[in-house]
PDB file of all heavy atoms in Angstrom:
ATOM      1  N   GLU A   1      60.826  65.996 100.840  1.00  0.00           N
ATOM      2  CA  GLU A   1      59.857  65.156 101.546  1.00  0.00           C
ATOM      3  C   GLU A   1      60.256  65.057 103.058  1.00  0.00           C
ATOM      4  O   GLU A   1      59.401  64.987 103.902  1.00  0.00           O
ATOM      5  CB  GLU A   1      59.815  63.789 100.980  1.00  0.00           C
ATOM      6  CG  GLU A   1      59.115  63.755  99.637  1.00  0.00           C
ATOM      7  CD  GLU A   1      58.896  62.338  99.136  1.00  0.00           C
ATOM      8  OE1 GLU A   1      59.479  61.362  99.713  1.00  0.00           O
ATOM      9  OE2 GLU A   1      58.140  62.173  98.192  1.00  0.00           O
ATOM     10  N   SER A   2      61.561  65.003 103.303  1.00  0.00           N
ATOM     11  CA  SER A   2      62.029  64.817 104.685  1.00  0.00           C
ATOM     12  C   SER A   2      63.276  65.639 104.887  1.00  0.00           C
ATOM     13  O   SER A   2      64.102  65.802 103.948  1.00  0.00           O
ATOM     14  CB  SER A   2      62.351  63.334 104.968  1.00  0.00           C
ATOM     15  OG  SER A   2      61.198  62.551 104.863  1.00  0.00           O
ATOM     16  N   CYS A   3      63.493  66.095 106.113  1.00  0.00           N
ATOM     17  CA  CYS A   3      64.632  66.865 106.516  1.00  0.00           C
ATOM     18  C   CYS A   3      65.165  66.286 107.811  1.00  0.00           C
ATOM     19  O   CYS A   3      64.461  66.330 108.835  1.00  0.00           O
ATOM     20  CB  CYS A   3      64.309  68.348 106.632  1.00  0.00           C
ATOM     21  SG  CYS A   3      65.671  69.349 107.187  1.00  0.00           S
ATOM     22  N   TYR A   4      66.378  65.751 107.811  1.00  0.00           N
ATOM     23  CA  TYR A   4      66.951  65.093 108.978  1.00  0.00           C
ATOM     24  C   TYR A   4      68.160  65.895 109.472  1.00  0.00           C
ATOM     25  O   TYR A   4      69.081  66.131 108.703  1.00  0.00           O
ATOM     26  CB  TYR A   4      67.418  63.666 108.639  1.00  0.00           C
ATOM     27  CG  TYR A   4      66.362  62.802 108.045  1.00  0.00           C
ATOM     28  CD1 TYR A   4      66.275  62.589 106.665  1.00  0.00           C
ATOM     29  CD2 TYR A   4      65.414  62.152 108.892  1.00  0.00           C
ATOM     30  CE1 TYR A   4      65.264  61.763 106.151  1.00  0.00           C
ATOM     31  CE2 TYR A   4      64.437  61.353 108.337  1.00  0.00           C
ATOM     32  CZ  TYR A   4      64.363  61.144 106.970  1.00  0.00           C
ATOM     33  OH  TYR A   4      63.402  60.341 106.458  1.00  0.00           O
ATOM     34  N   SER A   5      68.199  66.259 110.759  1.00  0.00           N
ATOM     35  CA  SER A   5      69.351  66.857 111.349  1.00  0.00           C
ATOM     36  C   SER A   5      70.284  65.656 111.707  1.00  0.00           C
ATOM     37  O   SER A   5      69.815  64.665 112.325  1.00  0.00           O
ATOM     38  CB  SER A   5      68.980  67.601 112.619  1.00  0.00           C
ATOM     39  OG  SER A   5      70.091  68.069 113.314  1.00  0.00           O
ATOM     40  N   VAL A   6      71.540  65.775 111.366  1.00  0.00           N
ATOM     41  CA  VAL A   6      72.401  64.616 111.498  1.00  0.00           C
ATOM     42  C   VAL A   6      73.752  65.009 112.143  1.00  0.00           C
ATOM     43  O   VAL A   6      74.147  66.174 112.138  1.00  0.00           O
ATOM     44  CB  VAL A   6      72.740  63.957 110.128  1.00  0.00           C
ATOM     45  CG1 VAL A   6      71.462  63.402 109.457  1.00  0.00           C
ATOM     46  CG2 VAL A   6      73.411  64.943 109.130  1.00  0.00           C
ATOM     47  N   ALA A   7      74.413  64.025 112.688  1.00  0.00           N
ATOM     48  CA  ALA A   7      75.772  64.173 113.239  1.00  0.00           C
ATOM     49  C   ALA A   7      76.788  63.943 112.088  1.00  0.00           C
ATOM     50  O   ALA A   7      76.468  63.213 111.159  1.00  0.00           O
ATOM     51  CB  ALA A   7      76.004  63.204 114.337  1.00  0.00           C
ATOM     52  N   GLY A   8      77.929  64.559 112.175  1.00  0.00           N
ATOM     53  CA  GLY A   8      78.942  64.382 111.160  1.00  0.00           C
ATOM     54  C   GLY A   8      79.267  65.639 110.460  1.00  0.00           C
ATOM     55  O   GLY A   8      78.970  66.763 110.926  1.00  0.00           O
ATOM     56  N   ASP A   9      79.916  65.557 109.279  1.00  0.00           N
ATOM     57  CA  ASP A   9      80.316  66.714 108.559  1.00  0.00           C
ATOM     58  C   ASP A   9      79.124  67.562 108.069  1.00  0.00           C
ATOM     59  O   ASP A   9      79.169  68.766 108.023  1.00  0.00           O
ATOM     60  CB  ASP A   9      81.183  66.318 107.331  1.00  0.00           C
ATOM     61  CG  ASP A   9      82.516  65.738 107.764  1.00  0.00           C
ATOM     62  OD1 ASP A   9      82.957  66.069 108.885  1.00  0.00           O
ATOM     63  OD2 ASP A   9      83.138  64.954 107.011  1.00  0.00           O
ATOM     64  N   GLU A  10      78.081  66.832 107.617  1.00  0.00           N
ATOM     65  CA  GLU A  10      76.880  67.601 107.132  1.00  0.00           C
ATOM     66  C   GLU A  10      76.054  67.941 108.345  1.00  0.00           C
ATOM     67  O   GLU A  10      76.069  67.332 109.399  1.00  0.00           O
ATOM     68  CB  GLU A  10      76.071  66.648 106.236  1.00  0.00           C
ATOM     69  CG  GLU A  10      76.727  66.351 104.912  1.00  0.00           C
ATOM     70  CD  GLU A  10      77.506  65.042 104.882  1.00  0.00           C
ATOM     71  OE1 GLU A  10      77.465  64.349 105.900  1.00  0.00           O
ATOM     72  OE2 GLU A  10      78.188  64.759 103.866  1.00  0.00           O
ATOM     73  N   SER A  11      75.214  68.976 108.130  1.00  0.00           N
ATOM     74  CA  SER A  11      74.269  69.412 109.146  1.00  0.00           C
ATOM     75  C   SER A  11      72.900  68.757 108.995  1.00  0.00           C
ATOM     76  O   SER A  11      72.243  68.411 109.977  1.00  0.00           O
ATOM     77  CB  SER A  11      74.082  70.929 109.103  1.00  0.00           C
ATOM     78  OG  SER A  11      75.287  71.579 109.346  1.00  0.00           O
ATOM     79  N   TYR A  12      72.459  68.605 107.748  1.00  0.00           N
ATOM     80  CA  TYR A  12      71.178  68.056 107.433  1.00  0.00           C
ATOM     81  C   TYR A  12      71.258  67.127 106.226  1.00  0.00           C
ATOM     82  O   TYR A  12      72.142  67.317 105.377  1.00  0.00           O
ATOM     83  CB  TYR A  12      70.148  69.139 107.155  1.00  0.00           C
ATOM     84  CG  TYR A  12      69.823  69.922 108.382  1.00  0.00           C
ATOM     85  CD1 TYR A  12      70.548  71.081 108.704  1.00  0.00           C
ATOM     86  CD2 TYR A  12      68.792  69.601 109.202  1.00  0.00           C
ATOM     87  CE1 TYR A  12      70.223  71.829 109.864  1.00  0.00           C
ATOM     88  CE2 TYR A  12      68.442  70.307 110.339  1.00  0.00           C
ATOM     89  CZ  TYR A  12      69.168  71.431 110.631  1.00  0.00           C
ATOM     90  OH  TYR A  12      68.874  72.165 111.761  1.00  0.00           O
ATOM     91  N   ILE A  13      70.353  66.163 106.178  1.00  0.00           N
ATOM     92  CA  ILE A  13      70.177  65.383 104.948  1.00  0.00           C
ATOM     93  C   ILE A  13      68.732  65.507 104.553  1.00  0.00           C
ATOM     94  O   ILE A  13      67.816  65.346 105.387  1.00  0.00           O
ATOM     95  CB  ILE A  13      70.594  63.937 105.162  1.00  0.00           C
ATOM     96  CG1 ILE A  13      72.083  63.829 105.495  1.00  0.00           C
ATOM     97  CG2 ILE A  13      70.217  63.114 103.884  1.00  0.00           C
ATOM     98  CD1 ILE A  13      72.564  62.445 105.753  1.00  0.00           C
ATOM     99  N   LEU A  14      68.509  65.843 103.332  1.00  0.00           N
ATOM    100  CA  LEU A  14      67.137  66.005 102.786  1.00  0.00           C
ATOM    101  C   LEU A  14      66.830  64.807 101.852  1.00  0.00           C
ATOM    102  O   LEU A  14      67.679  64.352 101.138  1.00  0.00           O
ATOM    103  CB  LEU A  14      67.075  67.263 101.907  1.00  0.00           C
ATOM    104  CG  LEU A  14      67.591  68.570 102.513  1.00  0.00           C
ATOM    105  CD1 LEU A  14      67.494  69.691 101.450  1.00  0.00           C
ATOM    106  CD2 LEU A  14      66.794  68.897 103.772  1.00  0.00           C
ATOM    107  N   GLN A  15      65.583  64.374 101.986  1.00  0.00           N
ATOM    108  CA  GLN A  15      65.099  63.363 101.022  1.00  0.00           C
ATOM    109  C   GLN A  15      64.174  64.153 100.076  1.00  0.00           C
ATOM    110  O   GLN A  15      63.277  64.841 100.508  1.00  0.00           O
ATOM    111  CB  GLN A  15      64.320  62.245 101.671  1.00  0.00           C
ATOM    112  CG  GLN A  15      63.811  61.218 100.669  1.00  0.00           C
ATOM    113  CD  GLN A  15      63.040  60.096 101.323  1.00  0.00           C
ATOM    114  OE1 GLN A  15      62.982  59.960 102.553  1.00  0.00           O
ATOM    115  NE2 GLN A  15      62.413  59.278 100.506  1.00  0.00           N
ATOM    116  N   VAL A  16      64.422  64.055  98.798  1.00  0.00           N
ATOM    117  CA  VAL A  16      63.655  64.828  97.773  1.00  0.00           C
ATOM    118  C   VAL A  16      63.112  63.908  96.723  1.00  0.00           C
ATOM    119  O   VAL A  16      63.655  62.822  96.498  1.00  0.00           O
ATOM    120  CB  VAL A  16      64.479  65.931  97.140  1.00  0.00           C
ATOM    121  CG1 VAL A  16      65.112  66.873  98.214  1.00  0.00           C
ATOM    122  CG2 VAL A  16      65.611  65.398  96.276  1.00  0.00           C
ATOM    123  N   ARG A  17      62.049  64.338  96.053  1.00  0.00           N
ATOM    124  CA  ARG A  17      61.445  63.571  94.955  1.00  0.00           C
ATOM    125  C   ARG A  17      61.173  64.596  93.858  1.00  0.00           C
ATOM    126  O   ARG A  17      60.502  65.588  94.091  1.00  0.00           O
ATOM    127  CB  ARG A  17      60.198  62.893  95.410  1.00  0.00           C
ATOM    128  CG  ARG A  17      59.800  61.715  94.569  1.00  0.00           C
ATOM    129  CD  ARG A  17      58.701  60.926  95.167  1.00  0.00           C
ATOM    130  NE  ARG A  17      59.011  60.299  96.437  1.00  0.00           N
ATOM    131  CZ  ARG A  17      59.327  58.980  96.532  1.00  0.00           C
ATOM    132  NH1 ARG A  17      59.434  58.262  95.474  1.00  0.00           N
ATOM    133  NH2 ARG A  17      59.549  58.471  97.702  1.00  0.00           N
ATOM    134  N   VAL A  18      61.673  64.332  92.654  1.00  0.00           N
ATOM    135  CA  VAL A  18      61.536  65.248  91.536  1.00  0.00           C
ATOM    136  C   VAL A  18      61.188  64.441  90.230  1.00  0.00           C
ATOM    137  O   VAL A  18      61.308  63.224  90.237  1.00  0.00           O
ATOM    138  CB  VAL A  18      62.798  66.056  91.241  1.00  0.00           C
ATOM    139  CG1 VAL A  18      63.053  67.044  92.428  1.00  0.00           C
ATOM    140  CG2 VAL A  18      64.026  65.209  91.055  1.00  0.00           C
ATOM    141  N   ALA A  19      60.811  65.140  89.202  1.00  0.00           N
ATOM    142  CA  ALA A  19      60.409  64.517  87.916  1.00  0.00           C
ATOM    143  C   ALA A  19      61.542  64.099  87.090  1.00  0.00           C
ATOM    144  O   ALA A  19      61.446  63.131  86.305  1.00  0.00           O
ATOM    145  CB  ALA A  19      59.549  65.527  87.150  1.00  0.00           C
ATOM    146  N   SER A  20      62.764  64.751  87.217  1.00  0.00           N
ATOM    147  CA  SER A  20      63.838  64.428  86.255  1.00  0.00           C
ATOM    148  C   SER A  20      65.175  64.904  86.766  1.00  0.00           C
ATOM    149  O   SER A  20      65.218  65.720  87.749  1.00  0.00           O
ATOM    150  CB  SER A  20      63.525  65.193  84.947  1.00  0.00           C
ATOM    151  OG  SER A  20      63.594  66.559  85.131  1.00  0.00           O
ATOM    152  N   PRO A  21      66.268  64.486  86.132  1.00  0.00           N
ATOM    153  CA  PRO A  21      67.581  65.068  86.545  1.00  0.00           C
ATOM    154  C   PRO A  21      67.588  66.592  86.368  1.00  0.00           C
ATOM    155  O   PRO A  21      68.191  67.250  87.205  1.00  0.00           O
ATOM    156  CB  PRO A  21      68.551  64.383  85.499  1.00  0.00           C
ATOM    157  CG  PRO A  21      67.841  63.063  85.210  1.00  0.00           C
ATOM    158  CD  PRO A  21      66.398  63.391  85.153  1.00  0.00           C
ATOM    159  N   LEU A  22      66.961  67.131  85.387  1.00  0.00           N
ATOM    160  CA  LEU A  22      66.884  68.572  85.223  1.00  0.00           C
ATOM    161  C   LEU A  22      66.156  69.183  86.388  1.00  0.00           C
ATOM    162  O   LEU A  22      66.542  70.242  86.935  1.00  0.00           O
ATOM    163  CB  LEU A  22      66.189  68.925  83.878  1.00  0.00           C
ATOM    164  CG  LEU A  22      66.208  70.426  83.552  1.00  0.00           C
ATOM    165  CD1 LEU A  22      67.671  70.911  83.360  1.00  0.00           C
ATOM    166  CD2 LEU A  22      65.496  70.618  82.199  1.00  0.00           C
ATOM    167  N   GLY A  23      65.102  68.562  86.838  1.00  0.00           N
ATOM    168  CA  GLY A  23      64.382  69.003  88.008  1.00  0.00           C
ATOM    169  C   GLY A  23      65.219  68.984  89.249  1.00  0.00           C
ATOM    170  O   GLY A  23      65.157  69.875  90.087  1.00  0.00           O
ATOM    171  N   LEU A  24      66.068  67.936  89.400  1.00  0.00           N
ATOM    172  CA  LEU A  24      66.989  67.829  90.548  1.00  0.00           C
ATOM    173  C   LEU A  24      68.009  68.952  90.484  1.00  0.00           C
ATOM    174  O   LEU A  24      68.320  69.572  91.510  1.00  0.00           O
ATOM    175  CB  LEU A  24      67.636  66.459  90.555  1.00  0.00           C
ATOM    176  CG  LEU A  24      68.658  66.194  91.715  1.00  0.00           C
ATOM    177  CD1 LEU A  24      67.998  66.393  93.042  1.00  0.00           C
ATOM    178  CD2 LEU A  24      69.249  64.809  91.531  1.00  0.00           C
ATOM    179  N   GLU A  25      68.508  69.225  89.313  1.00  0.00           N
ATOM    180  CA  GLU A  25      69.488  70.272  89.129  1.00  0.00           C
ATOM    181  C   GLU A  25      68.895  71.636  89.560  1.00  0.00           C
ATOM    182  O   GLU A  25      69.532  72.393  90.287  1.00  0.00           O
ATOM    183  CB  GLU A  25      69.948  70.320  87.710  1.00  0.00           C
ATOM    184  CG  GLU A  25      71.083  71.270  87.429  1.00  0.00           C
ATOM    185  CD  GLU A  25      71.635  71.243  85.995  1.00  0.00           C
ATOM    186  OE1 GLU A  25      70.837  70.852  85.094  1.00  0.00           O
ATOM    187  OE2 GLU A  25      72.776  71.583  85.822  1.00  0.00           O
ATOM    188  N   GLU A  26      67.664  71.872  89.172  1.00  0.00           N
ATOM    189  CA  GLU A  26      66.985  73.117  89.555  1.00  0.00           C
ATOM    190  C   GLU A  26      66.774  73.193  91.056  1.00  0.00           C
ATOM    191  O   GLU A  26      66.948  74.235  91.672  1.00  0.00           O
ATOM    192  CB  GLU A  26      65.703  73.293  88.791  1.00  0.00           C
ATOM    193  CG  GLU A  26      64.877  74.453  89.199  1.00  0.00           C
ATOM    194  CD  GLU A  26      65.483  75.828  89.114  1.00  0.00           C
ATOM    195  OE1 GLU A  26      66.501  76.001  88.328  1.00  0.00           O
ATOM    196  OE2 GLU A  26      65.068  76.777  89.750  1.00  0.00           O
ATOM    197  N   LEU A  27      66.353  72.101  91.619  1.00  0.00           N
ATOM    198  CA  LEU A  27      66.117  72.066  93.067  1.00  0.00           C
ATOM    199  C   LEU A  27      67.418  72.337  93.828  1.00  0.00           C
ATOM    200  O   LEU A  27      67.407  73.053  94.837  1.00  0.00           O
ATOM    201  CB  LEU A  27      65.476  70.723  93.454  1.00  0.00           C
ATOM    202  CG  LEU A  27      65.215  70.547  94.976  1.00  0.00           C
ATOM    203  CD1 LEU A  27      64.297  71.607  95.473  1.00  0.00           C
ATOM    204  CD2 LEU A  27      64.706  69.132  95.263  1.00  0.00           C
ATOM    205  N   LEU A  28      68.510  71.704  93.393  1.00  0.00           N
ATOM    206  CA  LEU A  28      69.812  71.974  94.056  1.00  0.00           C
ATOM    207  C   LEU A  28      70.159  73.444  93.983  1.00  0.00           C
ATOM    208  O   LEU A  28      70.661  74.013  94.995  1.00  0.00           O
ATOM    209  CB  LEU A  28      70.884  71.136  93.409  1.00  0.00           C
ATOM    210  CG  LEU A  28      70.854  69.649  93.664  1.00  0.00           C
ATOM    211  CD1 LEU A  28      71.762  68.843  92.724  1.00  0.00           C
ATOM    212  CD2 LEU A  28      71.234  69.393  95.111  1.00  0.00           C
ATOM    213  N   ARG A  29      69.899  74.088  92.881  1.00  0.00           N
ATOM    214  CA  ARG A  29      70.161  75.532  92.788  1.00  0.00           C
ATOM    215  C   ARG A  29      69.360  76.262  93.780  1.00  0.00           C
ATOM    216  O   ARG A  29      69.847  77.151  94.465  1.00  0.00           O
ATOM    217  CB  ARG A  29      69.852  76.021  91.349  1.00  0.00           C
ATOM    218  CG  ARG A  29      70.244  77.494  91.107  1.00  0.00           C
ATOM    219  CD  ARG A  29      69.610  78.071  89.832  1.00  0.00           C
ATOM    220  NE  ARG A  29      68.140  78.105  89.841  1.00  0.00           N
ATOM    221  CZ  ARG A  29      67.423  78.946  90.628  1.00  0.00           C
ATOM    222  NH1 ARG A  29      67.967  79.808  91.433  1.00  0.00           N
ATOM    223  NH2 ARG A  29      66.123  78.902  90.571  1.00  0.00           N
ATOM    224  N   GLN A  30      68.099  75.954  93.885  1.00  0.00           N
ATOM    225  CA  GLN A  30      67.189  76.623  94.833  1.00  0.00           C
ATOM    226  C   GLN A  30      67.613  76.402  96.271  1.00  0.00           C
ATOM    227  O   GLN A  30      67.600  77.348  97.110  1.00  0.00           O
ATOM    228  CB  GLN A  30      65.739  76.145  94.675  1.00  0.00           C
ATOM    229  CG  GLN A  30      65.113  76.551  93.345  1.00  0.00           C
ATOM    230  CD  GLN A  30      63.706  75.995  93.157  1.00  0.00           C
ATOM    231  OE1 GLN A  30      63.090  75.539  94.127  1.00  0.00           O
ATOM    232  NE2 GLN A  30      63.256  75.948  91.937  1.00  0.00           N
ATOM    233  N   ILE A  31      68.027  75.183  96.595  1.00  0.00           N
ATOM    234  CA  ILE A  31      68.466  74.895  97.952  1.00  0.00           C
ATOM    235  C   ILE A  31      69.753  75.703  98.298  1.00  0.00           C
ATOM    236  O   ILE A  31      69.861  76.304  99.333  1.00  0.00           O
ATOM    237  CB  ILE A  31      68.741  73.385  98.118  1.00  0.00           C
ATOM    238  CG1 ILE A  31      67.386  72.646  98.125  1.00  0.00           C
ATOM    239  CG2 ILE A  31      69.574  73.049  99.374  1.00  0.00           C
ATOM    240  CD1 ILE A  31      67.540  71.139  97.989  1.00  0.00           C
ATOM    241  N   ARG A  32      70.716  75.685  97.381  1.00  0.00           N
ATOM    242  CA  ARG A  32      71.980  76.367  97.634  1.00  0.00           C
ATOM    243  C   ARG A  32      71.728  77.884  97.748  1.00  0.00           C
ATOM    244  O   ARG A  32      72.299  78.554  98.625  1.00  0.00           O
ATOM    245  CB  ARG A  32      72.955  76.136  96.481  1.00  0.00           C
ATOM    246  CG  ARG A  32      73.498  74.744  96.429  1.00  0.00           C
ATOM    247  CD  ARG A  32      74.482  74.563  95.305  1.00  0.00           C
ATOM    248  NE  ARG A  32      74.829  73.145  95.149  1.00  0.00           N
ATOM    249  CZ  ARG A  32      74.713  72.502  93.984  1.00  0.00           C
ATOM    250  NH1 ARG A  32      74.338  73.143  92.868  1.00  0.00           N
ATOM    251  NH2 ARG A  32      75.033  71.224  93.912  1.00  0.00           N
ATOM    252  N   GLU A  33      70.852  78.432  96.969  1.00  0.00           N
ATOM    253  CA  GLU A  33      70.551  79.840  97.008  1.00  0.00           C
ATOM    254  C   GLU A  33      69.779  80.231  98.347  1.00  0.00           C
ATOM    255  O   GLU A  33      70.134  81.207  98.961  1.00  0.00           O
ATOM    256  CB  GLU A  33      69.648  80.200  95.812  1.00  0.00           C
ATOM    257  CG  GLU A  33      69.340  81.702  95.668  1.00  0.00           C
ATOM    258  CD  GLU A  33      68.551  81.957  94.437  1.00  0.00           C
ATOM    259  OE1 GLU A  33      69.116  81.860  93.351  1.00  0.00           O
ATOM    260  OE2 GLU A  33      67.352  82.251  94.504  1.00  0.00           O
ATOM    261  N   ALA A  34      68.834  79.408  98.693  1.00  0.00           N
ATOM    262  CA  ALA A  34      68.010  79.742  99.873  1.00  0.00           C
ATOM    263  C   ALA A  34      68.764  79.539 101.194  1.00  0.00           C
ATOM    264  O   ALA A  34      68.638  80.305 102.100  1.00  0.00           O
ATOM    265  CB  ALA A  34      66.735  78.900  99.875  1.00  0.00           C
ATOM    266  N   ALA A  35      69.573  78.474 101.237  1.00  0.00           N
ATOM    267  CA  ALA A  35      70.171  78.109 102.538  1.00  0.00           C
ATOM    268  C   ALA A  35      71.663  78.527 102.630  1.00  0.00           C
ATOM    269  O   ALA A  35      72.258  78.431 103.699  1.00  0.00           O
ATOM    270  CB  ALA A  35      70.060  76.601 102.793  1.00  0.00           C
ATOM    271  N   LYS A  36      72.284  78.914 101.497  1.00  0.00           N
ATOM    272  CA  LYS A  36      73.694  79.287 101.520  1.00  0.00           C
ATOM    273  C   LYS A  36      74.557  78.137 102.033  1.00  0.00           C
ATOM    274  O   LYS A  36      75.287  78.283 103.006  1.00  0.00           O
ATOM    275  CB  LYS A  36      73.934  80.538 102.345  1.00  0.00           C
ATOM    276  CG  LYS A  36      73.030  81.733 101.938  1.00  0.00           C
ATOM    277  CD  LYS A  36      73.309  82.256 100.562  1.00  0.00           C
ATOM    278  CE  LYS A  36      72.550  83.532 100.344  1.00  0.00           C
ATOM    279  NZ  LYS A  36      71.623  83.415  99.205  1.00  0.00           N
TER     280      LYS A  36
END
């Protein structure tokens, strides 16, 4: 839903909305794969 560029150790913080913990797990996989 939102992507924030941030200062600190992280580069970005994403706000996400999903149907379930399994959906979150799948989204995390997709994010890691797409953005490395």
